[in-house]
Amino acid sequence: MNKLLAAALATTALSTGALAQTNDISEFRIGILGGENAQDRMNSFQCLADYTSEELGVETKLFAPADYNGVIQGLLGGTLDMAWMGSSGYAAVYLQDPEAVEPVLVKINLDGSYGYHSIGFARKDSGIASLADMKGKVFGFGDPNSTSGYLIPSIEIPQAGEGITMDSGDYFGEVKFTGGHEQTIVAVANGEIDGGVTWADGQGNWEDGYNSGALRKAVDAGLVDMNDLVEIWRSKPIPEGPVVLRKTLPQEVKTKMTALVDNLYETDPDCAYGVASGDTLGFDPITHDAYVSIVEARKAKSN
């Protein structure tokens, strides 16, 4: 009986300790990067917020700032607890404070990879089919802190042909920022700019907007008919950005949230579809090592 009692008391102490640690937080705050309008972003993540509140026993708040920098600053300032970052956004946080966040999970494509591409595109009826055709035209980029919406294109596009630069009015008639992926897609589709870049896994069918990414979300939202567009450029594979957690969160909270997102695809495929921007196999563990090249690229670009 004494052994049973001791075991029971030990179990109670462990569970009480875990509860106390979880209760060290009074709320949980999830930041959502730009890419589509704020209400659609909030709607896609509401199911995750509901699961989080249930799992942690505290109110969960969603934040959808107007630009990527809002999430970056929220993580640096400790006012956000979790976010799904782009690789460049994560690099920005890491370069300013390596102890601010830790990468825990990454989105997995249907083929098991975790890469994606920056996709250059134009209207099919514009006669633009390549970067050569974009000379003197208006080229739209989403956000200065976006990996696929600026960082990688700004490095790889000048390498794609002689005389191509990212200086506005040089090779391209104008290089402009639209504010986000959705804005770029809509601007190209409406003929407001001649071409743009956005992100996609590059798998599946063009007419569907590929399997996942901003094009897929735009198709799902009825914002664009992919048959009206044409792909004009594609980057090399980019490591998908990580789900990050604030490092100073209680370990119990980090463990619970990592497991929650990791199991989201099995728990609620529809929720996982919204959070991951399309068809995926869910999320798998990832570490900082996967992003060293992006951190170095970001550092070089800022020098």
Protein backbone atom coordinates (compact mmCIF):
# COMPACT_ATOMS: atom_id res chain seq x y z
CA MET A 1 0.00 0.00 0.00
CA ASN A 2 2.82 2.38 0.85
CA LYS A 3 4.38 1.85 -2.60
CA LEU A 4 1.02 2.45 -4.27
CA LEU A 5 0.46 5.56 -2.22
CA ALA A 6 3.94 6.84 -2.99
CA ALA A 7 3.39 6.23 -6.71
CA ALA A 8 0.06 8.02 -6.60
CA LEU A 9 1.56 10.99 -4.81
CA ALA A 10 4.44 11.14 -7.30
CA THR A 11 2.00 11.10 -10.23
CA THR A 12 -0.06 13.83 -8.62
CA ALA A 13 3.06 15.94 -8.04
CA LEU A 14 4.13 15.52 -11.67
CA SER A 15 0.73 16.44 -13.08
CA THR A 16 0.37 19.36 -10.68
CA GLY A 17 3.82 20.62 -11.66
CA ALA A 18 2.93 20.42 -15.35
CA LEU A 19 -0.33 22.24 -14.72
CA ALA A 20 1.43 24.92 -12.74
CA GLN A 21 3.96 25.38 -15.52
CA THR A 22 1.23 25.68 -18.15
CA ASN A 23 -0.55 28.16 -15.93
CA ASP A 24 2.53 30.37 -15.94
CA ILE A 25 0.95 31.96 -19.01
CA SER A 26 -2.37 33.78 -18.91
CA GLU A 27 -2.94 33.77 -22.69
CA PHE A 28 -1.32 32.46 -25.87
CA ARG A 29 -0.69 34.72 -28.85
CA ILE A 30 -0.27 33.46 -32.43
CA GLY A 31 1.08 35.74 -35.15
CA ILE A 32 0.00 35.20 -38.76
CA LEU A 33 2.22 36.42 -41.62
CA GLY A 34 0.77 38.39 -44.50
CA GLY A 35 -0.06 36.78 -47.81
CA GLU A 36 -3.81 37.23 -47.95
CA ASN A 37 -6.26 39.67 -46.42
CA ALA A 38 -6.39 39.78 -42.64
CA GLN A 39 -9.89 38.32 -42.25
CA ASP A 40 -9.10 35.29 -44.43
CA ARG A 41 -5.91 34.71 -42.44
CA MET A 42 -7.83 34.89 -39.18
CA ASN A 43 -10.48 32.50 -40.50
CA SER A 44 -7.85 29.96 -41.61
CA PHE A 45 -6.18 29.97 -38.18
CA GLN A 46 -9.28 30.14 -35.96
CA CYS A 47 -9.49 26.36 -35.68
CA LEU A 48 -5.88 26.26 -34.48
CA ALA A 49 -6.66 28.98 -31.94
CA ASP A 50 -9.63 26.97 -30.66
CA TYR A 51 -7.51 23.82 -30.29
CA THR A 52 -4.82 25.84 -28.52
CA SER A 53 -7.25 27.29 -25.98
CA GLU A 54 -8.56 23.79 -25.30
CA GLU A 55 -5.06 22.34 -24.95
CA LEU A 56 -3.51 25.07 -22.79
CA GLY A 57 -6.60 26.16 -20.87
CA VAL A 58 -5.98 29.85 -21.62
CA GLU A 59 -7.40 32.34 -24.10
CA THR A 60 -5.71 32.27 -27.49
CA LYS A 61 -5.44 35.46 -29.51
CA LEU A 62 -4.64 35.72 -33.22
CA PHE A 63 -2.69 38.66 -34.63
CA ALA A 64 -2.59 39.37 -38.38
CA PRO A 65 -0.42 42.47 -38.89
CA ALA A 66 -0.48 44.33 -42.19
CA ASP A 67 3.08 43.28 -43.04
CA TYR A 68 5.71 40.67 -42.20
CA ASN A 69 7.58 43.08 -39.97
CA GLY A 70 4.64 43.17 -37.55
CA VAL A 71 5.13 39.47 -36.78
CA ILE A 72 8.93 39.83 -36.69
CA GLN A 73 8.74 42.67 -34.16
CA GLY A 74 6.10 40.83 -32.12
CA LEU A 75 8.39 37.83 -31.75
CA LEU A 76 11.41 39.98 -30.96
CA GLY A 77 9.46 41.95 -28.38
CA GLY A 78 7.93 38.88 -26.75
CA THR A 79 4.36 39.95 -27.52
CA LEU A 80 3.83 36.88 -29.74
CA ASP A 81 4.29 33.28 -28.62
CA MET A 82 4.10 31.40 -31.92
CA ALA A 83 4.09 32.01 -35.66
CA TRP A 84 4.61 30.20 -38.94
CA MET A 85 7.44 32.24 -40.40
CA GLY A 86 8.89 32.47 -43.87
CA SER A 87 12.55 31.48 -43.98
CA SER A 88 13.66 35.10 -44.48
CA GLY A 89 11.42 36.33 -41.67
CA TYR A 90 12.89 33.72 -39.35
CA ALA A 91 16.38 34.79 -40.44
CA ALA A 92 15.50 38.40 -39.63
CA VAL A 93 14.46 37.43 -36.11
CA TYR A 94 17.52 35.21 -35.59
CA LEU A 95 19.97 37.86 -36.78
CA GLN A 96 18.54 40.40 -34.34
CA ASP A 97 18.15 38.00 -31.40
CA PRO A 98 19.22 34.33 -31.67
CA GLU A 99 17.48 33.62 -28.36
CA ALA A 100 14.07 35.05 -29.29
CA VAL A 101 12.48 31.98 -30.91
CA GLU A 102 13.18 28.35 -31.74
CA PRO A 103 12.06 26.55 -34.93
CA VAL A 104 10.11 23.41 -34.08
CA LEU A 105 8.15 22.27 -37.15
CA VAL A 106 8.05 22.63 -40.93
CA LYS A 107 5.28 22.03 -43.50
CA ILE A 108 5.73 18.83 -45.51
CA ASN A 109 4.74 18.59 -49.17
CA LEU A 110 2.82 15.65 -50.62
CA ASP A 111 6.08 14.16 -51.94
CA GLY A 112 7.66 14.30 -48.47
CA SER A 113 9.90 17.31 -49.19
CA TYR A 114 9.80 20.62 -47.35
CA GLY A 115 10.91 22.94 -50.13
CA TYR A 116 8.93 25.41 -52.18
CA HIS A 117 9.59 27.93 -54.95
CA SER A 118 9.28 31.57 -55.72
CA ILE A 119 7.13 31.62 -58.85
CA GLY A 120 7.25 34.45 -61.37
CA PHE A 121 4.03 34.86 -63.34
CA ALA A 122 2.19 37.15 -65.76
CA ARG A 123 -1.12 37.32 -67.59
CA LYS A 124 -1.24 34.83 -70.45
CA ASP A 125 -2.67 37.44 -72.83
CA SER A 126 0.17 39.89 -72.09
CA GLY A 127 2.60 38.12 -74.37
CA ILE A 128 5.05 37.83 -71.48
CA ALA A 129 6.51 34.34 -71.24
CA SER A 130 9.93 34.90 -69.69
CA LEU A 131 12.08 37.39 -67.77
CA ALA A 132 13.37 38.62 -71.14
CA ASP A 133 9.82 39.70 -71.96
CA MET A 134 9.66 41.63 -68.67
CA LYS A 135 12.29 44.16 -69.78
CA GLY A 136 10.86 47.63 -69.32
CA LYS A 137 7.77 46.21 -67.57
CA VAL A 138 6.43 46.65 -64.03
CA PHE A 139 7.48 43.77 -61.76
CA GLY A 140 5.70 43.33 -58.42
CA PHE A 141 7.18 41.88 -55.21
CA GLY A 142 5.21 41.20 -52.06
CA ASP A 143 7.09 42.27 -48.93
CA PRO A 144 10.75 43.14 -48.24
CA ASN A 145 10.78 40.50 -45.48
CA SER A 146 9.30 37.75 -47.64
CA THR A 147 11.59 34.92 -48.73
CA SER A 148 9.81 34.08 -51.98
CA GLY A 149 8.27 37.53 -52.36
CA TYR A 150 11.62 39.32 -52.38
CA LEU A 151 14.81 37.85 -50.82
CA ILE A 152 15.35 34.87 -53.13
CA PRO A 153 14.08 36.59 -56.32
CA SER A 154 16.34 39.57 -55.60
CA ILE A 155 19.32 37.19 -55.56
CA GLU A 156 18.39 34.74 -58.31
CA ILE A 157 16.60 36.93 -60.89
CA PRO A 158 19.73 39.06 -61.61
CA GLN A 159 21.57 35.78 -62.21
CA ALA A 160 19.00 34.67 -64.78
CA GLY A 161 20.13 36.89 -67.64
CA GLU A 162 22.70 39.43 -68.70
CA GLY A 163 21.94 42.98 -67.65
CA ILE A 164 19.10 42.08 -65.28
CA THR A 165 19.14 44.10 -62.07
CA MET A 166 16.65 44.76 -59.28
CA ASP A 167 17.10 48.53 -59.51
CA SER A 168 13.76 50.09 -60.36
CA GLY A 169 13.83 51.69 -63.81
CA ASP A 170 17.00 49.88 -64.89
CA TYR A 171 16.17 46.52 -66.51
CA PHE A 172 12.58 46.43 -65.33
CA GLY A 173 10.52 49.55 -65.96
CA GLU A 174 9.59 49.58 -62.28
CA VAL A 175 10.21 47.29 -59.32
CA LYS A 176 7.47 47.81 -56.76
CA PHE A 177 6.21 46.26 -53.55
CA THR A 178 2.53 45.33 -53.52
CA GLY A 179 2.27 44.58 -49.80
CA GLY A 180 1.80 40.81 -49.92
CA HIS A 181 1.32 37.67 -51.99
CA GLU A 182 -2.41 38.07 -52.46
CA GLN A 183 -2.00 41.68 -53.52
CA THR A 184 0.63 40.65 -56.10
CA ILE A 185 -1.58 37.92 -57.54
CA VAL A 186 -4.61 40.21 -57.81
CA ALA A 187 -2.54 43.06 -59.29
CA VAL A 188 -1.17 40.81 -62.06
CA ALA A 189 -4.57 39.21 -62.71
CA ASN A 190 -6.19 42.66 -63.00
CA GLY A 191 -3.45 43.99 -65.26
CA GLU A 192 -2.29 46.60 -62.72
CA ILE A 193 1.28 45.30 -62.97
CA ASP A 194 2.87 43.25 -65.74
CA GLY A 195 4.37 40.45 -63.67
CA GLY A 196 4.96 39.38 -60.12
CA VAL A 197 6.35 36.71 -57.84
CA THR A 198 4.65 34.61 -55.19
CA TRP A 199 5.13 31.27 -53.47
CA ALA A 200 3.99 27.73 -54.25
CA ASP A 201 5.22 24.20 -53.68
CA GLY A 202 5.41 23.82 -57.47
CA GLN A 203 3.73 20.41 -57.25
CA GLY A 204 0.40 19.34 -58.68
CA ASN A 205 -1.49 21.21 -61.39
CA TRP A 206 -0.97 24.80 -62.49
CA GLU A 207 -4.71 25.30 -62.93
CA ASP A 208 -5.21 24.48 -59.23
CA GLY A 209 -2.50 26.93 -58.14
CA TYR A 210 -0.32 23.87 -57.45
CA ASN A 211 -0.90 21.81 -54.29
CA SER A 212 -0.15 24.51 -51.73
CA GLY A 213 0.90 28.12 -51.50
CA ALA A 214 -0.43 31.60 -52.20
CA LEU A 215 -1.65 30.71 -55.69
CA ARG A 216 -3.66 27.78 -54.29
CA LYS A 217 -5.21 30.04 -51.63
CA ALA A 218 -6.09 32.61 -54.29
CA VAL A 219 -7.77 29.93 -56.42
CA ASP A 220 -9.69 28.62 -53.39
CA ALA A 221 -10.85 32.16 -52.62
CA GLY A 222 -12.05 32.67 -56.18
CA LEU A 223 -9.65 35.56 -56.73
CA VAL A 224 -7.98 34.21 -59.84
CA ASP A 225 -8.37 31.76 -62.72
CA MET A 226 -4.97 30.18 -63.25
CA ASN A 227 -5.82 29.64 -66.93
CA ASP A 228 -5.48 33.42 -67.31
CA LEU A 229 -1.90 33.33 -65.99
CA VAL A 230 1.41 31.86 -67.12
CA GLU A 231 4.56 30.96 -65.20
CA ILE A 232 7.57 32.97 -66.40
CA TRP A 233 10.25 32.11 -63.84
CA ARG A 234 10.90 29.69 -60.99
CA SER A 235 13.50 29.82 -58.23
CA LYS A 236 15.60 26.96 -57.00
CA PRO A 237 14.00 25.07 -54.08
CA ILE A 238 13.73 27.16 -50.91
CA PRO A 239 13.49 25.58 -47.45
CA GLU A 240 9.95 26.05 -46.17
CA GLY A 241 9.79 28.46 -43.25
CA PRO A 242 9.45 27.10 -39.71
CA VAL A 243 6.76 27.18 -37.09
CA VAL A 244 8.54 28.98 -34.26
CA LEU A 245 7.87 29.26 -30.54
CA ARG A 246 9.10 31.92 -28.12
CA LYS A 247 12.11 30.40 -26.37
CA THR A 248 11.16 31.68 -22.91
CA LEU A 249 7.79 29.91 -22.91
CA PRO A 250 7.43 27.21 -20.23
CA GLN A 251 8.73 23.90 -21.58
CA GLU A 252 5.35 22.26 -20.97
CA VAL A 253 3.68 24.84 -23.21
CA LYS A 254 6.27 24.35 -25.95
CA THR A 255 5.87 20.58 -25.79
CA LYS A 256 2.08 20.77 -25.96
CA MET A 257 2.02 23.26 -28.84
CA THR A 258 4.60 21.36 -30.87
CA ALA A 259 2.55 18.16 -30.48
CA LEU A 260 -0.69 19.98 -31.30
CA VAL A 261 0.57 21.40 -34.61
CA ASP A 262 2.52 18.22 -35.41
CA ASN A 263 -0.70 16.17 -35.11
CA LEU A 264 -3.03 18.72 -36.71
CA TYR A 265 -3.13 16.95 -40.08
CA GLU A 266 -4.28 13.70 -38.44
CA THR A 267 -6.62 15.45 -35.98
CA ASP A 268 -8.35 17.84 -38.37
CA PRO A 269 -7.30 17.73 -42.05
CA ASP A 270 -9.51 20.71 -42.94
CA CYS A 271 -7.87 22.84 -40.26
CA ALA A 272 -4.42 21.72 -41.41
CA TYR A 273 -5.35 22.64 -45.01
CA GLY A 274 -6.17 26.21 -43.97
CA VAL A 275 -3.14 26.66 -41.73
CA ALA A 276 -0.72 25.13 -44.28
CA SER A 277 -2.21 26.95 -47.30
CA GLY A 278 -3.27 23.84 -49.18
CA ASP A 279 -2.70 20.11 -49.54
CA THR A 280 0.22 18.85 -47.45
CA LEU A 281 1.23 15.91 -45.27
CA GLY A 282 1.12 18.18 -42.24
CA PHE A 283 4.18 19.24 -40.24
CA ASP A 284 7.42 17.53 -39.17
CA PRO A 285 10.20 18.51 -36.73
CA ILE A 286 12.87 20.98 -37.93
CA THR A 287 15.85 22.78 -36.38
CA HIS A 288 17.81 25.96 -37.00
CA ASP A 289 20.37 24.03 -39.08
CA ALA A 290 17.92 23.91 -41.99
CA TYR A 291 17.99 27.71 -42.26
CA VAL A 292 21.69 28.53 -42.04
CA SER A 293 21.88 29.26 -45.80
CA ILE A 294 18.89 31.61 -45.62
CA VAL A 295 20.35 33.40 -42.59
CA GLU A 296 23.59 33.90 -44.52
CA ALA A 297 21.72 35.13 -47.61
CA ARG A 298 19.73 37.58 -45.49
CA LYS A 299 22.91 38.78 -43.76
CA ALA A 300 24.69 39.30 -47.09
CA LYS A 301 21.72 41.20 -48.50
CA SER A 302 21.63 43.58 -45.54
CA ASN A 303 25.37 44.39 -45.71
